[in-house]
Amino acid sequence: MKILLIGGTGTISTAISQRLADFNHELYLLNRGNLNETLPSHIQFIKADINNEKEAEEKLSGMEFDAVCDFIGFGKPQLERDYRLFNGKTRQFVYISSASAYNKPPRDYVINEGTSLANPYWEYSRNKIECEEYLMKMYREKGFPVTIVRPSHTYCEKSVPLGVHGKNGSWQVIKRMLEGKPVIIHGDGTSLWTMTDSRDFAKGFIGLLGNPHTIGEAFQITSDETLTWNQIYKTIADCLKVKFKPYYVSSAFLAAVSDYDFEGSLTGDKSNSVVFDNTKLKKAVPDFAPSIRFEEGVGRTLEYVLSHKECQVEDPEFDSWCDKVINAMETAKKEINGNI
């Protein structure tokens, strides 16, 4: 197939780009060229800023595709631009939405594509919902061949997936573990979650491309493995060969005492127990079988991060904030115990 990826070098899309290249599809990546050197050389790169519609239109002039996939569309105006650029020029338009768009709080811990979409806690998720609604309207009214994909917590080798971290990513939490410091876990660590290795995600995603049964439909793509947050953090600690030292703080408290968007990322997503039912995806892609357990995937990630300094972005502000929260909680406990 002749396929265009808008982006193609991110956490989710890099594995897809590599896998498509391995299968010798005619693959094009439209991006600003910042990370293209990490991908196979026979991929064809279109260097442009998709947000500059005139530039993108010029670079794409005369081109048609079997599938166009947008990994970086976060708001309705961007999808309106995509419609103008690709209507009549692709047999399939794949939009990467988010499983965080599902109803919060969930009415059932089992999540499938029929679960309603509503998230009053996170603007990011509401924007994704608006994008989905716009694209489905274009499908119903104009025949625009859209397929919606909803990933949940997908990770690659360059960043360790966690629940609570600062603006610079997960490294500071890993550093705290290595230094023997406690790490903050939202709630009591017993809520259920799913981590998906990007290589498993790529298997399901590519099976949707060129598949006529996917047009006008939405699909979630996740691992089938369900873990508690305690299991997730302990697995990371075990891989690092350090003692697991959790410090439990409620999501509501974390959201109330910080400038980090924990109301969105926790209350609107990760603090909710969810189990993803991938029956619909497996019906459309019968050979989809996620095979990378979290211990294997995160072990690979930690090995990469620990051997690549560019992945070790320190965040002293977040480190100090963690210490302040823990110290304040301990002081409050002593005061309460002293008054009982």
Protein backbone atom coordinates (compact mmCIF):
# COMPACT_ATOMS: atom_id res chain seq x y z
CA MET A 1 0.00 0.00 0.00
CA LYS A 2 0.96 3.63 -0.41
CA ILE A 3 0.71 5.10 3.09
CA LEU A 4 1.27 8.55 4.56
CA LEU A 5 1.93 9.05 8.27
CA ILE A 6 1.57 12.56 9.66
CA GLY A 7 4.24 12.48 12.34
CA GLY A 8 5.60 8.95 12.36
CA THR A 9 8.43 9.37 14.90
CA GLY A 10 6.57 9.52 18.22
CA THR A 11 6.04 7.07 21.08
CA ILE A 12 3.27 5.23 19.27
CA SER A 13 4.12 5.83 15.63
CA THR A 14 7.83 4.94 15.46
CA ALA A 15 7.15 1.21 15.80
CA ILE A 16 4.44 1.50 13.13
CA SER A 17 6.83 3.28 10.75
CA GLN A 18 9.48 0.61 11.30
CA ARG A 19 7.05 -2.27 10.83
CA LEU A 20 5.50 -0.80 7.68
CA ALA A 21 9.00 -0.25 6.26
CA ASP A 22 9.91 -3.87 7.06
CA PHE A 23 6.88 -5.03 5.06
CA ASN A 24 8.05 -2.91 2.10
CA HIS A 25 4.98 -0.70 1.85
CA GLU A 26 5.46 2.55 -0.04
CA LEU A 27 5.71 4.66 3.10
CA TYR A 28 5.80 8.45 3.37
CA LEU A 29 6.29 10.47 6.56
CA LEU A 30 5.22 14.10 6.68
CA ASN A 31 6.93 15.92 9.54
CA ARG A 32 9.51 18.58 10.33
CA GLY A 33 12.38 16.10 10.03
CA ASN A 34 13.65 16.27 13.61
CA LEU A 35 13.83 12.51 14.30
CA ASN A 36 13.79 10.90 10.87
CA GLU A 37 17.39 9.68 11.13
CA THR A 38 16.27 6.92 13.52
CA LEU A 39 14.13 5.25 10.82
CA PRO A 40 14.99 3.06 7.80
CA SER A 41 16.47 5.06 4.92
CA HIS A 42 14.08 3.71 2.28
CA ILE A 43 11.15 5.56 3.89
CA GLN A 44 10.29 8.66 1.87
CA PHE A 45 10.25 11.83 3.94
CA ILE A 46 8.19 14.91 3.17
CA LYS A 47 9.66 17.73 5.25
CA ALA A 48 6.90 20.17 6.11
CA ASP A 49 4.96 21.59 9.02
CA ILE A 50 1.44 20.17 8.69
CA ASN A 51 0.17 23.21 10.62
CA ASN A 52 1.29 25.33 7.67
CA GLU A 53 -1.53 24.19 5.40
CA LYS A 54 -0.29 26.01 2.31
CA GLU A 55 3.18 24.46 2.61
CA ALA A 56 1.71 21.00 3.20
CA GLU A 57 -0.64 21.36 0.24
CA GLU A 58 2.28 22.27 -2.03
CA LYS A 59 4.40 19.35 -0.83
CA LEU A 60 1.50 16.90 -1.28
CA SER A 61 0.41 18.25 -4.68
CA GLY A 62 -0.64 15.47 -7.06
CA MET A 63 -0.26 12.69 -4.47
CA GLU A 64 -2.91 10.14 -3.52
CA PHE A 65 -2.71 7.42 -0.88
CA ASP A 66 -4.30 4.16 0.18
CA ALA A 67 -4.17 5.35 3.80
CA VAL A 68 -3.33 8.58 5.60
CA CYS A 69 -2.77 8.41 9.38
CA ASP A 70 -2.72 11.47 11.66
CA PHE A 71 -0.89 10.94 14.95
CA ILE A 72 -0.65 14.60 15.96
CA GLY A 73 -4.17 15.99 15.56
CA PHE A 74 -5.29 17.27 18.96
CA GLY A 75 -8.04 19.75 18.05
CA LYS A 76 -10.95 20.10 15.63
CA PRO A 77 -9.29 22.86 13.52
CA GLN A 78 -6.44 20.44 12.72
CA LEU A 79 -8.90 17.79 11.55
CA GLU A 80 -10.78 20.34 9.45
CA ARG A 81 -7.42 21.05 7.80
CA ASP A 82 -6.85 17.33 7.25
CA TYR A 83 -10.25 17.03 5.59
CA ARG A 84 -9.38 19.85 3.19
CA LEU A 85 -5.99 18.31 2.40
CA PHE A 86 -7.02 14.66 1.97
CA ASN A 87 -10.69 14.49 0.99
CA GLY A 88 -10.77 12.62 -2.31
CA LYS A 89 -7.05 11.82 -2.06
CA THR A 90 -7.04 8.80 0.24
CA ARG A 91 -9.02 5.57 0.48
CA GLN A 92 -8.75 5.62 4.26
CA PHE A 93 -8.07 8.32 6.86
CA VAL A 94 -6.99 6.98 10.25
CA TYR A 95 -7.24 9.30 13.25
CA ILE A 96 -5.42 8.45 16.47
CA SER A 97 -7.75 9.46 19.28
CA SER A 98 -7.44 8.34 22.92
CA ALA A 99 -9.04 5.81 25.27
CA SER A 100 -9.08 8.62 27.85
CA ALA A 101 -12.12 9.88 25.92
CA TYR A 102 -14.25 7.09 27.44
CA ASN A 103 -16.76 8.07 30.11
CA LYS A 104 -15.24 9.25 33.41
CA PRO A 105 -15.98 8.04 35.95
CA PRO A 106 -16.57 4.73 34.15
CA ARG A 107 -19.93 3.06 34.56
CA ASP A 108 -18.34 -0.34 34.05
CA TYR A 109 -14.72 -1.35 34.49
CA VAL A 110 -14.86 -3.32 31.21
CA ILE A 111 -14.27 -0.92 28.34
CA ASN A 112 -15.11 -1.49 24.68
CA GLU A 113 -15.84 0.69 21.67
CA GLY A 114 -19.49 0.96 22.70
CA THR A 115 -18.59 2.69 25.96
CA SER A 116 -19.86 6.27 25.92
CA LEU A 117 -17.47 9.18 25.44
CA ALA A 118 -17.42 11.90 28.11
CA ASN A 119 -14.62 13.34 30.23
CA PRO A 120 -15.40 16.42 32.35
CA TYR A 121 -11.94 16.28 33.98
CA TRP A 122 -9.54 16.55 31.03
CA GLU A 123 -9.64 19.05 28.18
CA TYR A 124 -7.29 16.89 26.14
CA SER A 125 -9.87 14.09 26.11
CA ARG A 126 -12.76 16.44 25.30
CA ASN A 127 -10.79 17.75 22.32
CA LYS A 128 -10.28 14.18 21.12
CA ILE A 129 -14.02 13.55 21.42
CA GLU A 130 -14.74 16.69 19.38
CA CYS A 131 -12.30 15.50 16.70
CA GLU A 132 -13.97 12.10 16.55
CA GLU A 133 -17.42 13.65 16.25
CA TYR A 134 -16.30 15.95 13.44
CA LEU A 135 -14.70 13.11 11.45
CA MET A 136 -17.72 10.83 11.85
CA LYS A 137 -19.94 13.69 10.67
CA MET A 138 -17.75 13.98 7.56
CA TYR A 139 -18.06 10.21 7.09
CA ARG A 140 -21.84 10.23 7.38
CA GLU A 141 -22.46 13.36 5.31
CA LYS A 142 -19.56 13.40 2.81
CA GLY A 143 -18.37 9.79 2.68
CA PHE A 144 -14.94 10.68 4.11
CA PRO A 145 -13.37 7.22 4.76
CA VAL A 146 -12.42 7.60 8.41
CA THR A 147 -11.22 4.99 10.90
CA ILE A 148 -10.84 5.98 14.58
CA VAL A 149 -8.13 4.37 16.72
CA ARG A 150 -8.10 4.72 20.52
CA PRO A 151 -4.83 3.84 22.25
CA SER A 152 -4.54 3.80 26.00
CA HIS A 153 -1.19 3.91 27.86
CA THR A 154 1.28 2.97 25.12
CA TYR A 155 5.03 3.16 25.68
CA CYS A 156 8.23 2.66 23.69
CA GLU A 157 11.86 2.07 24.60
CA LYS A 158 12.63 5.74 25.27
CA SER A 159 10.37 6.53 28.24
CA VAL A 160 9.18 4.51 31.22
CA PRO A 161 5.37 4.57 31.59
CA LEU A 162 4.21 5.83 35.00
CA GLY A 163 1.16 7.32 36.68
CA VAL A 164 2.69 10.29 38.51
CA HIS A 165 5.59 12.24 37.03
CA GLY A 166 6.66 15.81 36.30
CA LYS A 167 6.81 17.93 33.18
CA ASN A 168 10.12 16.41 32.04
CA GLY A 169 8.85 12.85 31.93
CA SER A 170 9.54 9.73 33.94
CA TRP A 171 13.30 9.85 34.51
CA GLN A 172 13.15 11.72 37.83
CA VAL A 173 10.93 8.97 39.27
CA ILE A 174 13.40 6.32 38.10
CA LYS A 175 16.20 8.38 39.65
CA ARG A 176 14.32 8.50 42.97
CA MET A 177 14.02 4.71 42.88
CA LEU A 178 17.73 4.33 42.21
CA GLU A 179 18.51 6.71 45.10
CA GLY A 180 16.31 4.73 47.49
CA LYS A 181 13.67 7.47 47.83
CA PRO A 182 9.92 6.74 48.07
CA VAL A 183 7.88 7.33 44.93
CA ILE A 184 4.35 8.71 44.89
CA ILE A 185 1.61 6.37 43.67
CA HIS A 186 -1.92 7.69 43.26
CA GLY A 187 -4.60 6.13 45.42
CA ASP A 188 -3.60 2.92 47.18
CA GLY A 189 -2.04 1.36 44.08
CA THR A 190 -4.76 -1.27 43.66
CA SER A 191 -6.71 0.21 40.74
CA LEU A 192 -6.41 -1.71 37.47
CA TRP A 193 -4.53 -0.46 34.42
CA THR A 194 -3.14 -1.65 31.09
CA MET A 195 0.28 -0.89 29.62
CA THR A 196 0.82 -1.54 25.91
CA ASP A 197 4.20 -1.93 24.25
CA SER A 198 4.30 0.10 21.02
CA ARG A 199 5.43 -2.99 19.08
CA ASP A 200 2.23 -4.81 20.05
CA PHE A 201 0.20 -1.70 19.24
CA ALA A 202 1.77 -1.61 15.75
CA LYS A 203 0.55 -5.14 15.02
CA GLY A 204 -3.07 -4.20 15.61
CA PHE A 205 -2.80 -0.82 13.93
CA ILE A 206 -1.31 -2.10 10.68
CA GLY A 207 -4.01 -4.77 10.47
CA LEU A 208 -6.59 -1.98 10.22
CA LEU A 209 -4.92 -0.33 7.22
CA GLY A 210 -6.56 -1.11 3.91
CA ASN A 211 -9.24 -3.12 5.71
CA PRO A 212 -12.68 -2.25 4.27
CA HIS A 213 -14.43 -3.38 7.46
CA THR A 214 -12.81 -0.54 9.43
CA ILE A 215 -14.28 2.42 7.54
CA GLY A 216 -16.69 4.41 9.70
CA GLU A 217 -15.65 2.45 12.78
CA ALA A 218 -13.67 3.01 15.98
CA PHE A 219 -11.18 0.53 17.44
CA GLN A 220 -9.26 0.49 20.69
CA ILE A 221 -5.82 -1.13 20.65
CA THR A 222 -4.30 -2.25 23.94
CA SER A 223 -2.55 -5.19 25.54
CA ASP A 224 -4.71 -7.90 27.10
CA GLU A 225 -2.63 -7.82 30.29
CA THR A 226 -4.23 -6.06 33.26
CA LEU A 227 -2.08 -4.88 36.18
CA THR A 228 -2.48 -2.91 39.38
CA TRP A 229 -0.38 0.22 39.79
CA ASN A 230 1.44 -1.56 42.62
CA GLN A 231 2.40 -4.31 40.18
CA ILE A 232 3.50 -1.75 37.60
CA TYR A 233 5.78 0.15 39.97
CA LYS A 234 7.10 -3.00 41.66
CA THR A 235 7.96 -4.50 38.27
CA ILE A 236 9.98 -1.37 37.48
CA ALA A 237 11.73 -1.55 40.87
CA ASP A 238 12.50 -5.24 40.32
CA CYS A 239 13.99 -4.49 36.90
CA LEU A 240 16.16 -1.82 38.53
CA LYS A 241 17.07 -4.27 41.33
CA VAL A 242 16.00 -1.78 44.01
CA LYS A 243 13.52 -1.96 46.88
CA PHE A 244 9.95 -0.96 46.06
CA LYS A 245 9.13 2.08 48.24
CA PRO A 246 5.62 3.36 47.42
CA TYR A 247 4.08 6.42 49.04
CA TYR A 248 0.32 6.52 48.53
CA VAL A 249 -1.49 9.81 47.99
CA SER A 250 -5.07 10.26 46.77
CA SER A 251 -5.54 11.53 43.24
CA ALA A 252 -7.84 14.30 44.48
CA PHE A 253 -5.16 15.55 46.87
CA LEU A 254 -2.47 15.44 44.18
CA ALA A 255 -4.68 17.47 41.86
CA ALA A 256 -5.43 20.01 44.60
CA VAL A 257 -1.87 20.71 45.75
CA SER A 258 0.07 20.96 42.48
CA ASP A 259 0.35 22.87 39.25
CA TYR A 260 0.60 19.56 37.37
CA ASP A 261 -2.52 18.50 35.49
CA PHE A 262 -3.28 15.54 37.74
CA GLU A 263 -7.01 16.19 37.61
CA GLY A 264 -6.86 15.40 33.90
CA SER A 265 -4.24 12.67 33.82
CA LEU A 266 -5.38 10.91 37.02
CA THR A 267 -9.03 11.68 37.80
CA GLY A 268 -9.77 11.89 34.09
CA ASP A 269 -7.78 8.78 33.21
CA LYS A 270 -5.28 6.72 35.20
CA SER A 271 -6.93 6.59 38.63
CA ASN A 272 -9.91 4.68 37.19
CA SER A 273 -9.89 0.88 37.11
CA VAL A 274 -10.34 -0.30 33.55
CA VAL A 275 -10.08 -3.57 31.64
CA PHE A 276 -10.06 -3.26 27.86
CA ASP A 277 -12.09 -5.69 25.77
CA ASN A 278 -10.39 -5.98 22.36
CA THR A 279 -12.95 -8.34 20.82
CA LYS A 280 -13.88 -5.90 18.04
CA LEU A 281 -10.24 -5.39 17.04
CA LYS A 282 -9.56 -9.13 16.98
CA LYS A 283 -12.56 -9.69 14.76
CA ALA A 284 -11.23 -7.11 12.27
CA VAL A 285 -7.60 -8.24 12.67
CA PRO A 286 -7.78 -11.98 13.47
CA ASP A 287 -4.02 -12.40 13.88
CA PHE A 288 -3.72 -9.62 16.47
CA ALA A 289 -2.29 -11.20 19.62
CA PRO A 290 -0.35 -8.89 21.95
CA SER A 291 2.58 -10.94 23.18
CA ILE A 292 4.87 -8.55 25.11
CA ARG A 293 4.28 -8.75 28.86
CA PHE A 294 4.94 -5.58 30.84
CA GLU A 295 7.95 -7.02 32.63
CA GLU A 296 9.58 -7.76 29.27
CA GLY A 297 8.63 -4.47 27.63
CA VAL A 298 9.55 -2.19 30.51
CA GLY A 299 12.77 -4.12 31.04
CA ARG A 300 13.75 -3.26 27.47
CA THR A 301 12.77 0.36 28.09
CA LEU A 302 14.82 0.66 31.27
CA GLU A 303 17.83 -0.89 29.58
CA TYR A 304 17.59 1.70 26.80
CA VAL A 305 16.98 4.67 29.09
CA LEU A 306 19.83 3.76 31.44
CA SER A 307 22.25 3.53 28.51
CA HIS A 308 21.16 6.75 26.74
CA LYS A 309 21.91 10.01 28.55
CA GLU A 310 19.52 11.95 26.31
CA CYS A 311 16.64 10.02 27.91
CA GLN A 312 17.73 11.01 31.42
CA VAL A 313 16.15 14.45 31.63
CA GLU A 314 16.27 15.53 35.25
CA ASP A 315 13.44 17.42 36.92
CA PRO A 316 14.63 18.89 40.24
CA GLU A 317 11.41 20.87 40.60
CA PHE A 318 9.32 17.69 40.54
CA ASP A 319 11.78 15.91 42.83
CA SER A 320 11.48 18.71 45.39
CA TRP A 321 7.69 18.72 45.03
CA CYS A 322 7.55 14.99 45.80
CA ASP A 323 9.61 15.48 48.96
CA LYS A 324 7.37 18.37 50.07
CA VAL A 325 4.18 16.34 49.54
CA ILE A 326 5.57 13.33 51.43
CA ASN A 327 6.88 15.47 54.30
CA ALA A 328 3.58 17.37 54.56
CA MET A 329 1.61 14.11 54.62
CA GLU A 330 3.84 12.67 57.34
CA THR A 331 3.53 15.84 59.44
CA ALA A 332 -0.26 15.76 59.06
CA LYS A 333 -0.36 12.11 60.17
CA LYS A 334 1.62 12.89 63.32
CA GLU A 335 -0.64 15.82 64.17
CA ILE A 336 -3.78 13.74 63.67
CA ASN A 337 -2.39 10.84 65.73
CA GLY A 338 -1.43 13.29 68.49
CA ASN A 339 -4.98 14.63 68.66
CA ILE A 340 -6.73 11.27 68.86
